[in-house]
Amino acid sequence: MQTKMIVMFFETIDRAERAFNALDALETAGEGFAIDSAVLIQKDEAGKAVVLRKETESLRGTVIGAATGALLGALGGPVGAALGLTAGALAEGAERAVKDIVEHRFVHSVDSALTAGKLALVIEAKEATPYAVDEIIQENATSAFRRNIFFEPRGTGVD
């Protein structure tokens, strides 16, 4: 299954938690969806992304996945960059994740959608097909973005 970053946007914490619980149930049901890491963030009035909730089952041993850390760093300015580097730097493929995820257009799209007070659920997950997750998005989120994450295994000689 392809690893993806899925960013869902919400007006209320109730909707965000409802969506996360539905995603968790989808994973438990064994329906071709596996969460590697998830973080619920909210943009404060100063424009900084604040972490509200973290859930991980990362095989890479990080608290927040490398790609999520990279995105948080790009959204949060200097403080967020420190969080992103600390959270994701130790993960396998972190360097590649930073290059793939912190791509200007993607970050700009997420930053534009995450206005002050709005919430975003940022998930790194493996998904066989997008249909079940799309249904959860339609029922709960105001909008969402999806991006493939390409992790290169160490020792492959690929730079």
N, C-alpha and C. Protein backbone atom coordinates (compact mmCIF):
# COMPACT_ATOMS: atom_id res chain seq x y z
N MET A 1 0.85 -1.19 0.00
CA MET A 1 0.00 0.00 0.00
C MET A 1 0.88 1.24 0.00
N GLN A 2 0.46 2.23 -0.70
CA GLN A 2 1.18 3.49 -0.80
C GLN A 2 1.00 4.31 0.47
N THR A 3 2.10 4.90 0.98
CA THR A 3 2.01 5.79 2.13
C THR A 3 1.59 7.17 1.63
N LYS A 4 0.63 7.76 2.32
CA LYS A 4 0.11 9.07 1.93
C LYS A 4 0.04 9.99 3.13
N MET A 5 0.11 11.27 2.84
CA MET A 5 -0.21 12.28 3.85
C MET A 5 -1.61 12.77 3.49
N ILE A 6 -2.49 12.70 4.46
CA ILE A 6 -3.86 13.17 4.28
C ILE A 6 -4.07 14.29 5.29
N VAL A 7 -4.47 15.46 4.81
CA VAL A 7 -4.72 16.61 5.68
C VAL A 7 -6.20 16.97 5.53
N MET A 8 -6.94 16.85 6.64
CA MET A 8 -8.37 17.17 6.65
C MET A 8 -8.60 18.41 7.51
N PHE A 9 -9.48 19.28 7.07
CA PHE A 9 -9.74 20.53 7.77
C PHE A 9 -11.14 20.52 8.38
N PHE A 10 -11.24 21.11 9.59
CA PHE A 10 -12.49 21.08 10.35
C PHE A 10 -12.76 22.43 11.00
N GLU A 11 -14.04 22.69 11.23
CA GLU A 11 -14.46 23.90 11.93
C GLU A 11 -14.52 23.66 13.44
N THR A 12 -14.79 22.41 13.86
CA THR A 12 -14.93 22.12 15.28
C THR A 12 -14.10 20.89 15.67
N ILE A 13 -13.71 20.86 16.93
CA ILE A 13 -12.95 19.72 17.43
C ILE A 13 -13.81 18.46 17.45
N ASP A 14 -15.12 18.62 17.65
CA ASP A 14 -16.03 17.48 17.64
C ASP A 14 -15.99 16.76 16.29
N ARG A 15 -16.04 17.51 15.21
CA ARG A 15 -15.97 16.91 13.86
C ARG A 15 -14.62 16.24 13.62
N ALA A 16 -13.55 16.88 14.08
CA ALA A 16 -12.21 16.32 13.90
C ALA A 16 -12.07 15.01 14.65
N GLU A 17 -12.54 14.97 15.88
CA GLU A 17 -12.45 13.75 16.68
C GLU A 17 -13.35 12.66 16.11
N ARG A 18 -14.51 13.04 15.60
CA ARG A 18 -15.40 12.07 14.96
C ARG A 18 -14.73 11.45 13.73
N ALA A 19 -14.07 12.27 12.94
CA ALA A 19 -13.35 11.77 11.76
C ALA A 19 -12.21 10.85 12.17
N PHE A 20 -11.44 11.25 13.20
CA PHE A 20 -10.33 10.40 13.65
C PHE A 20 -10.84 9.06 14.16
N ASN A 21 -11.93 9.07 14.91
CA ASN A 21 -12.51 7.82 15.42
C ASN A 21 -12.98 6.92 14.28
N ALA A 22 -13.54 7.52 13.23
CA ALA A 22 -13.97 6.73 12.06
C ALA A 22 -12.77 6.14 11.33
N LEU A 23 -11.67 6.92 11.23
CA LEU A 23 -10.45 6.41 10.61
C LEU A 23 -9.85 5.27 11.44
N ASP A 24 -9.88 5.44 12.74
CA ASP A 24 -9.38 4.41 13.65
C ASP A 24 -10.19 3.12 13.49
N ALA A 25 -11.50 3.25 13.39
CA ALA A 25 -12.38 2.10 13.20
C ALA A 25 -12.13 1.43 11.84
N LEU A 26 -11.87 2.24 10.83
CA LEU A 26 -11.56 1.72 9.50
C LEU A 26 -10.28 0.88 9.55
N GLU A 27 -9.28 1.37 10.26
CA GLU A 27 -8.03 0.63 10.42
C GLU A 27 -8.27 -0.68 11.18
N THR A 28 -9.02 -0.61 12.26
CA THR A 28 -9.31 -1.79 13.08
C THR A 28 -10.07 -2.86 12.28
N ALA A 29 -10.92 -2.41 11.38
CA ALA A 29 -11.71 -3.35 10.56
C ALA A 29 -10.87 -4.06 9.51
N GLY A 30 -9.63 -3.61 9.32
CA GLY A 30 -8.76 -4.24 8.33
C GLY A 30 -9.19 -4.00 6.90
N GLU A 31 -9.65 -2.78 6.64
CA GLU A 31 -10.18 -2.43 5.33
C GLU A 31 -9.14 -1.79 4.40
N GLY A 32 -7.87 -2.14 4.53
CA GLY A 32 -6.85 -1.58 3.63
C GLY A 32 -6.43 -0.17 4.00
N PHE A 33 -6.45 0.13 5.30
CA PHE A 33 -6.06 1.45 5.77
C PHE A 33 -5.30 1.27 7.07
N ALA A 34 -4.09 1.85 7.15
CA ALA A 34 -3.27 1.72 8.36
C ALA A 34 -2.64 3.08 8.69
N ILE A 35 -2.91 3.58 9.88
CA ILE A 35 -2.38 4.86 10.33
C ILE A 35 -0.97 4.67 10.87
N ASP A 36 -0.01 5.42 10.31
CA ASP A 36 1.36 5.43 10.84
C ASP A 36 1.49 6.50 11.91
N SER A 37 0.94 7.68 11.65
CA SER A 37 0.94 8.73 12.67
C SER A 37 -0.18 9.71 12.35
N ALA A 38 -0.65 10.37 13.39
CA ALA A 38 -1.72 11.35 13.23
C ALA A 38 -1.51 12.45 14.26
N VAL A 39 -1.78 13.66 13.85
CA VAL A 39 -1.67 14.80 14.76
C VAL A 39 -2.81 15.78 14.44
N LEU A 40 -3.44 16.28 15.48
CA LEU A 40 -4.50 17.27 15.33
C LEU A 40 -3.88 18.62 15.67
N ILE A 41 -3.95 19.55 14.73
CA ILE A 41 -3.37 20.88 14.95
C ILE A 41 -4.42 21.96 14.77
N GLN A 42 -4.13 23.10 15.35
CA GLN A 42 -4.99 24.26 15.20
C GLN A 42 -4.08 25.47 15.03
N LYS A 43 -4.47 26.36 14.14
CA LYS A 43 -3.68 27.57 13.96
C LYS A 43 -4.18 28.62 14.95
N ASP A 44 -3.24 29.17 15.73
CA ASP A 44 -3.62 30.18 16.71
C ASP A 44 -3.73 31.56 16.04
N GLU A 45 -4.11 32.55 16.81
CA GLU A 45 -4.29 33.90 16.27
C GLU A 45 -3.00 34.50 15.72
N ALA A 46 -1.85 34.04 16.23
CA ALA A 46 -0.56 34.54 15.75
C ALA A 46 -0.13 33.83 14.46
N GLY A 47 -0.92 32.86 14.01
CA GLY A 47 -0.61 32.16 12.77
C GLY A 47 0.29 30.95 12.93
N LYS A 48 0.50 30.50 14.15
CA LYS A 48 1.35 29.33 14.41
C LYS A 48 0.49 28.08 14.59
N ALA A 49 0.98 26.97 14.07
CA ALA A 49 0.28 25.69 14.23
C ALA A 49 0.59 25.12 15.60
N VAL A 50 -0.46 24.81 16.37
CA VAL A 50 -0.33 24.27 17.72
C VAL A 50 -0.83 22.83 17.71
N VAL A 51 -0.03 21.90 18.24
CA VAL A 51 -0.42 20.49 18.29
C VAL A 51 -1.41 20.29 19.44
N LEU A 52 -2.56 19.71 19.12
CA LEU A 52 -3.59 19.44 20.12
C LEU A 52 -3.62 17.97 20.54
N ARG A 53 -3.37 17.06 19.60
CA ARG A 53 -3.47 15.63 19.90
C ARG A 53 -2.56 14.85 18.97
N LYS A 54 -1.86 13.85 19.54
CA LYS A 54 -0.96 13.00 18.75
C LYS A 54 -1.33 11.54 18.96
N GLU A 55 -1.32 10.78 17.90
CA GLU A 55 -1.50 9.33 17.97
C GLU A 55 -0.47 8.72 17.03
N THR A 56 0.26 7.74 17.49
CA THR A 56 1.23 7.11 16.59
C THR A 56 1.28 5.62 16.78
N GLU A 57 1.59 4.96 15.73
CA GLU A 57 1.95 3.55 15.72
C GLU A 57 3.06 3.43 14.68
N SER A 58 3.99 4.36 14.72
CA SER A 58 4.98 4.47 13.67
C SER A 58 6.00 3.35 13.74
N LEU A 59 6.21 2.72 12.63
CA LEU A 59 7.22 1.68 12.52
C LEU A 59 8.61 2.30 12.45
N ARG A 60 8.68 3.59 12.24
CA ARG A 60 9.96 4.29 12.13
C ARG A 60 10.41 4.84 13.47
N GLY A 61 9.66 4.61 14.52
CA GLY A 61 10.09 4.97 15.86
C GLY A 61 10.00 6.44 16.20
N THR A 62 9.20 7.21 15.49
CA THR A 62 9.06 8.63 15.80
C THR A 62 7.75 8.88 16.50
N VAL A 63 7.68 9.97 17.24
CA VAL A 63 6.42 10.37 17.88
C VAL A 63 5.49 10.95 16.82
N ILE A 64 6.04 11.77 15.96
CA ILE A 64 5.31 12.31 14.82
C ILE A 64 6.09 11.87 13.60
N GLY A 65 5.42 11.43 12.56
CA GLY A 65 6.10 10.98 11.36
C GLY A 65 6.96 12.07 10.74
N ALA A 66 7.94 11.66 9.97
CA ALA A 66 8.89 12.59 9.36
C ALA A 66 8.20 13.61 8.46
N ALA A 67 7.28 13.14 7.64
CA ALA A 67 6.59 14.05 6.73
C ALA A 67 5.71 15.04 7.49
N THR A 68 5.03 14.54 8.53
CA THR A 68 4.20 15.42 9.35
C THR A 68 5.06 16.45 10.06
N GLY A 69 6.20 16.02 10.59
CA GLY A 69 7.13 16.94 11.23
C GLY A 69 7.60 18.01 10.27
N ALA A 70 7.88 17.61 9.03
CA ALA A 70 8.32 18.57 8.02
C ALA A 70 7.22 19.59 7.72
N LEU A 71 5.99 19.12 7.60
CA LEU A 71 4.88 20.03 7.32
C LEU A 71 4.65 20.98 8.49
N LEU A 72 4.66 20.45 9.72
CA LEU A 72 4.49 21.31 10.91
C LEU A 72 5.58 22.37 10.96
N GLY A 73 6.79 21.97 10.62
CA GLY A 73 7.89 22.92 10.60
C GLY A 73 7.65 24.03 9.60
N ALA A 74 7.15 23.68 8.43
CA ALA A 74 6.89 24.69 7.40
C ALA A 74 5.75 25.61 7.78
N LEU A 75 4.77 25.10 8.51
CA LEU A 75 3.61 25.91 8.90
C LEU A 75 3.88 26.79 10.12
N GLY A 76 4.82 26.36 10.96
CA GLY A 76 4.97 27.03 12.25
C GLY A 76 6.07 28.05 12.37
N GLY A 77 6.79 28.34 11.32
CA GLY A 77 7.88 29.30 11.43
C GLY A 77 9.01 28.72 12.27
N PRO A 78 9.82 29.56 12.92
CA PRO A 78 10.99 29.08 13.66
C PRO A 78 10.66 28.05 14.75
N VAL A 79 9.61 28.29 15.54
CA VAL A 79 9.25 27.34 16.59
C VAL A 79 8.76 26.04 15.96
N GLY A 80 7.95 26.15 14.93
CA GLY A 80 7.45 24.98 14.24
C GLY A 80 8.56 24.21 13.55
N ALA A 81 9.52 24.92 13.02
CA ALA A 81 10.65 24.25 12.36
C ALA A 81 11.42 23.42 13.37
N ALA A 82 11.61 23.93 14.57
CA ALA A 82 12.31 23.17 15.62
C ALA A 82 11.50 21.93 15.98
N LEU A 83 10.18 22.08 16.13
CA LEU A 83 9.30 20.95 16.41
C LEU A 83 9.40 19.93 15.29
N GLY A 84 9.31 20.39 14.06
CA GLY A 84 9.35 19.50 12.91
C GLY A 84 10.66 18.75 12.83
N LEU A 85 11.77 19.42 13.05
CA LEU A 85 13.06 18.75 13.00
C LEU A 85 13.20 17.75 14.12
N THR A 86 12.77 18.12 15.32
CA THR A 86 12.85 17.20 16.45
C THR A 86 11.94 16.00 16.24
N ALA A 87 10.74 16.25 15.76
CA ALA A 87 9.75 15.18 15.62
C ALA A 87 10.09 14.21 14.51
N GLY A 88 10.58 14.71 13.41
CA GLY A 88 10.73 13.84 12.26
C GLY A 88 12.13 13.50 11.84
N ALA A 89 13.13 14.14 12.39
CA ALA A 89 14.48 13.99 11.87
C ALA A 89 15.07 12.61 12.04
N LEU A 90 14.63 11.85 13.03
CA LEU A 90 15.21 10.54 13.28
C LEU A 90 14.58 9.44 12.45
N ALA A 91 13.54 9.75 11.73
CA ALA A 91 12.82 8.72 10.99
C ALA A 91 13.57 8.29 9.73
N GLU A 92 13.35 7.03 9.35
CA GLU A 92 13.87 6.55 8.07
C GLU A 92 13.26 7.42 6.97
N GLY A 93 14.07 7.87 6.07
CA GLY A 93 13.57 8.64 4.93
C GLY A 93 13.22 10.07 5.25
N ALA A 94 13.64 10.59 6.39
CA ALA A 94 13.25 11.95 6.78
C ALA A 94 13.71 12.97 5.75
N GLU A 95 14.91 12.80 5.24
CA GLU A 95 15.42 13.76 4.27
C GLU A 95 14.54 13.81 3.04
N ARG A 96 14.15 12.64 2.56
CA ARG A 96 13.30 12.57 1.38
C ARG A 96 11.92 13.14 1.68
N ALA A 97 11.40 12.86 2.88
CA ALA A 97 10.08 13.36 3.26
C ALA A 97 10.06 14.88 3.25
N VAL A 98 11.11 15.48 3.77
CA VAL A 98 11.18 16.94 3.79
C VAL A 98 11.13 17.48 2.36
N LYS A 99 11.87 16.85 1.46
CA LYS A 99 11.87 17.31 0.07
C LYS A 99 10.52 17.10 -0.59
N ASP A 100 9.88 15.96 -0.32
CA ASP A 100 8.60 15.64 -0.96
C ASP A 100 7.44 16.44 -0.39
N ILE A 101 7.39 16.58 0.94
CA ILE A 101 6.23 17.18 1.57
C ILE A 101 6.32 18.70 1.66
N VAL A 102 7.48 19.21 2.05
CA VAL A 102 7.60 20.65 2.19
C VAL A 102 7.89 21.25 0.82
N GLU A 103 7.00 20.96 -0.07
CA GLU A 103 7.03 21.50 -1.41
C GLU A 103 6.13 22.74 -1.37
N HIS A 104 6.60 23.81 -1.94
CA HIS A 104 5.96 25.12 -1.77
C HIS A 104 4.45 25.11 -2.03
N ARG A 105 4.03 24.54 -3.13
CA ARG A 105 2.60 24.59 -3.46
C ARG A 105 1.75 23.83 -2.45
N PHE A 106 2.24 22.67 -2.00
CA PHE A 106 1.49 21.89 -1.01
C PHE A 106 1.38 22.64 0.30
N VAL A 107 2.51 23.15 0.79
CA VAL A 107 2.51 23.90 2.06
C VAL A 107 1.61 25.12 1.94
N HIS A 108 1.69 25.83 0.82
CA HIS A 108 0.85 27.01 0.61
C HIS A 108 -0.63 26.64 0.65
N SER A 109 -0.99 25.53 0.01
CA SER A 109 -2.40 25.08 0.01
C SER A 109 -2.88 24.77 1.42
N VAL A 110 -2.06 24.05 2.18
CA VAL A 110 -2.43 23.70 3.56
C VAL A 110 -2.50 24.96 4.41
N ASP A 111 -1.51 25.82 4.29
CA ASP A 111 -1.47 27.06 5.08
C ASP A 111 -2.67 27.95 4.77
N SER A 112 -3.07 28.03 3.51
CA SER A 112 -4.22 28.85 3.12
C SER A 112 -5.53 28.30 3.69
N ALA A 113 -5.65 26.98 3.73
CA ALA A 113 -6.87 26.36 4.24
C ALA A 113 -6.95 26.38 5.76
N LEU A 114 -5.79 26.40 6.41
CA LEU A 114 -5.74 26.37 7.88
C LEU A 114 -5.70 27.80 8.42
N THR A 115 -6.86 28.42 8.44
CA THR A 115 -6.96 29.78 8.95
C THR A 115 -7.05 29.76 10.48
N ALA A 116 -6.88 30.91 11.10
CA ALA A 116 -6.90 31.00 12.57
C ALA A 116 -8.17 30.38 13.14
N GLY A 117 -7.98 29.50 14.13
CA GLY A 117 -9.10 28.84 14.80
C GLY A 117 -9.53 27.54 14.14
N LYS A 118 -9.19 27.35 12.89
CA LYS A 118 -9.56 26.12 12.18
C LYS A 118 -8.63 24.99 12.59
N LEU A 119 -9.12 23.76 12.50
CA LEU A 119 -8.35 22.58 12.88
C LEU A 119 -7.96 21.77 11.65
N ALA A 120 -6.84 21.06 11.77
CA ALA A 120 -6.42 20.14 10.71
C ALA A 120 -5.97 18.84 11.34
N LEU A 121 -6.43 17.74 10.78
CA LEU A 121 -5.98 16.42 11.17
C LEU A 121 -4.98 16.00 10.09
N VAL A 122 -3.71 15.84 10.50
CA VAL A 122 -2.64 15.49 9.57
C VAL A 122 -2.28 14.03 9.83
N ILE A 123 -2.46 13.21 8.81
CA ILE A 123 -2.28 11.77 8.96
C ILE A 123 -1.27 11.26 7.95
N GLU A 124 -0.35 10.42 8.42
CA GLU A 124 0.47 9.62 7.54
C GLU A 124 -0.11 8.22 7.62
N ALA A 125 -0.54 7.69 6.48
CA ALA A 125 -1.21 6.39 6.49
C ALA A 125 -0.96 5.64 5.19
N LYS A 126 -1.12 4.35 5.27
CA LYS A 126 -1.09 3.50 4.08
C LYS A 126 -2.55 3.23 3.73
N GLU A 127 -2.88 3.46 2.46
CA GLU A 127 -4.26 3.25 2.06
C GLU A 127 -4.29 2.53 0.72
N ALA A 128 -5.06 1.45 0.67
CA ALA A 128 -5.17 0.66 -0.56
C ALA A 128 -5.97 1.41 -1.61
N THR A 129 -7.08 1.99 -1.20
CA THR A 129 -7.91 2.81 -2.08
C THR A 129 -8.40 4.02 -1.28
N PRO A 130 -8.74 5.11 -1.95
CA PRO A 130 -9.15 6.31 -1.22
C PRO A 130 -10.63 6.36 -0.85
N TYR A 131 -11.44 5.41 -1.30
CA TYR A 131 -12.89 5.55 -1.20
C TYR A 131 -13.43 5.63 0.22
N ALA A 132 -13.00 4.74 1.10
CA ALA A 132 -13.51 4.75 2.47
C ALA A 132 -13.10 6.03 3.20
N VAL A 133 -11.87 6.47 3.00
CA VAL A 133 -11.40 7.70 3.64
C VAL A 133 -12.14 8.90 3.06
N ASP A 134 -12.37 8.89 1.75
CA ASP A 134 -13.13 9.99 1.12
C ASP A 134 -14.52 10.12 1.71
N GLU A 135 -15.14 9.00 2.02
CA GLU A 135 -16.48 9.03 2.65
C GLU A 135 -16.41 9.69 4.03
N ILE A 136 -15.38 9.36 4.80
CA ILE A 136 -15.20 9.98 6.12
C ILE A 136 -14.96 11.48 5.97
N ILE A 137 -14.17 11.86 4.98
CA ILE A 137 -13.92 13.29 4.72
C ILE A 137 -15.22 14.00 4.38
N GLN A 138 -16.01 13.43 3.48
CA GLN A 138 -17.27 14.06 3.07
C GLN A 138 -18.24 14.23 4.23
N GLU A 139 -18.23 13.28 5.16
CA GLU A 139 -19.17 13.33 6.29
C GLU A 139 -18.73 14.32 7.37
N ASN A 140 -17.44 14.63 7.46
CA ASN A 140 -16.95 15.40 8.60
C ASN A 140 -16.15 16.65 8.29
N ALA A 141 -15.35 16.63 7.25
CA ALA A 141 -14.40 17.72 7.01
C ALA A 141 -14.97 18.77 6.07
N THR A 142 -14.39 19.98 6.14
CA THR A 142 -14.77 21.03 5.20
C THR A 142 -14.00 20.89 3.89
N SER A 143 -12.78 20.36 3.96
CA SER A 143 -11.97 20.10 2.78
C SER A 143 -10.81 19.20 3.19
N ALA A 144 -10.04 18.74 2.20
CA ALA A 144 -8.91 17.86 2.48
C ALA A 144 -7.91 17.89 1.32
N PHE A 145 -6.68 17.53 1.64
CA PHE A 145 -5.62 17.36 0.64
C PHE A 145 -4.97 16.00 0.87
N ARG A 146 -4.49 15.39 -0.20
CA ARG A 146 -3.79 14.11 -0.12
C ARG A 146 -2.52 14.22 -0.94
N ARG A 147 -1.44 13.61 -0.43
CA ARG A 147 -0.17 13.62 -1.17
C ARG A 147 0.56 12.31 -0.89
N ASN A 148 1.11 11.71 -1.95
CA ASN A 148 1.92 10.51 -1.79
C ASN A 148 3.21 10.87 -1.07
N ILE A 149 3.68 9.96 -0.23
CA ILE A 149 4.95 10.12 0.45
C ILE A 149 5.85 9.00 -0.05
N PHE A 150 7.01 9.37 -0.51
CA PHE A 150 7.94 8.38 -1.03
C PHE A 150 9.12 8.27 -0.09
N PHE A 151 9.15 7.19 0.70
CA PHE A 151 10.28 6.94 1.58
C PHE A 151 11.24 6.00 0.86
N GLU A 152 12.50 6.36 0.83
CA GLU A 152 13.50 5.49 0.23
C GLU A 152 14.22 4.74 1.33
N PRO A 153 14.29 3.42 1.25
CA PRO A 153 14.99 2.67 2.28
C PRO A 153 16.47 3.02 2.29
N ARG A 154 17.05 3.03 3.48
CA ARG A 154 18.49 3.31 3.60
C ARG A 154 19.28 2.19 2.97
N GLY A 155 20.46 2.56 2.43
CA GLY A 155 21.36 1.58 1.87
C GLY A 155 21.02 1.18 0.44
N THR A 156 20.12 1.92 -0.21
CA THR A 156 19.77 1.57 -1.59
C THR A 156 20.73 2.21 -2.59
N GLY A 157 21.53 3.16 -2.12
CA GLY A 157 22.44 3.87 -3.01
C GLY A 157 21.77 4.98 -3.79
N VAL A 158 20.49 5.23 -3.51
CA VAL A 158 19.76 6.29 -4.19
C VAL A 158 19.92 7.58 -3.40
N ASP A 159 20.37 8.62 -4.06
CA ASP A 159 20.54 9.92 -3.40
C ASP A 159 19.53 10.91 -3.88
